[in-house]
């Protein structure tokens, strides 16, 4: 279930 972590990381990176 790493997809959720990856998604969260991507969102956080985009919401820099």
N, C-alpha and C. Protein backbone atom coordinates (compact mmCIF):
# COMPACT_ATOMS: atom_id res chain seq x y z
N UNK A 1 0.86 -1.23 0.00
CA UNK A 1 0.00 0.00 0.00
C UNK A 1 0.88 1.25 0.00
N UNK A 2 1.83 1.26 -0.88
CA UNK A 2 2.73 2.43 -0.95
C UNK A 2 2.18 3.50 -1.89
N UNK A 3 1.16 3.10 -2.65
CA UNK A 3 0.58 4.05 -3.61
C UNK A 3 0.08 5.29 -2.87
N UNK A 4 -0.53 5.07 -1.71
CA UNK A 4 -1.07 6.21 -0.94
C UNK A 4 0.07 7.13 -0.53
N UNK A 5 1.16 6.53 -0.06
CA UNK A 5 2.32 7.33 0.38
C UNK A 5 2.88 8.12 -0.79
N UNK A 6 3.00 7.46 -1.92
CA UNK A 6 3.53 8.12 -3.12
C UNK A 6 2.63 9.27 -3.53
N UNK A 7 1.32 9.02 -3.50
CA UNK A 7 0.36 10.05 -3.87
C UNK A 7 0.49 11.25 -2.94
N UNK A 8 0.57 10.96 -1.64
CA UNK A 8 0.70 12.05 -0.66
C UNK A 8 1.98 12.82 -0.91
N UNK A 9 3.04 12.13 -1.18
CA UNK A 9 4.33 12.78 -1.44
C UNK A 9 4.25 13.66 -2.67
N UNK A 10 3.60 13.15 -3.71
CA UNK A 10 3.46 13.94 -4.94
C UNK A 10 2.65 15.20 -4.69
N UNK A 11 1.55 15.06 -3.97
CA UNK A 11 0.70 16.21 -3.66
C UNK A 11 1.49 17.23 -2.86
N UNK A 12 2.25 16.74 -1.88
CA UNK A 12 3.04 17.64 -1.03
C UNK A 12 4.08 18.36 -1.89
N UNK A 13 4.71 17.63 -2.81
CA UNK A 13 5.73 18.22 -3.67
C UNK A 13 5.12 19.26 -4.60
N UNK A 14 3.95 18.95 -5.14
CA UNK A 14 3.28 19.88 -6.04
C UNK A 14 2.77 21.09 -5.27
N UNK A 15 2.36 20.86 -4.00
CA UNK A 15 1.85 21.97 -3.18
C UNK A 15 2.99 22.63 -2.43
N UNK A 16 4.15 22.76 -3.12
CA UNK A 16 5.31 23.35 -2.48
C UNK A 16 5.01 24.82 -2.23
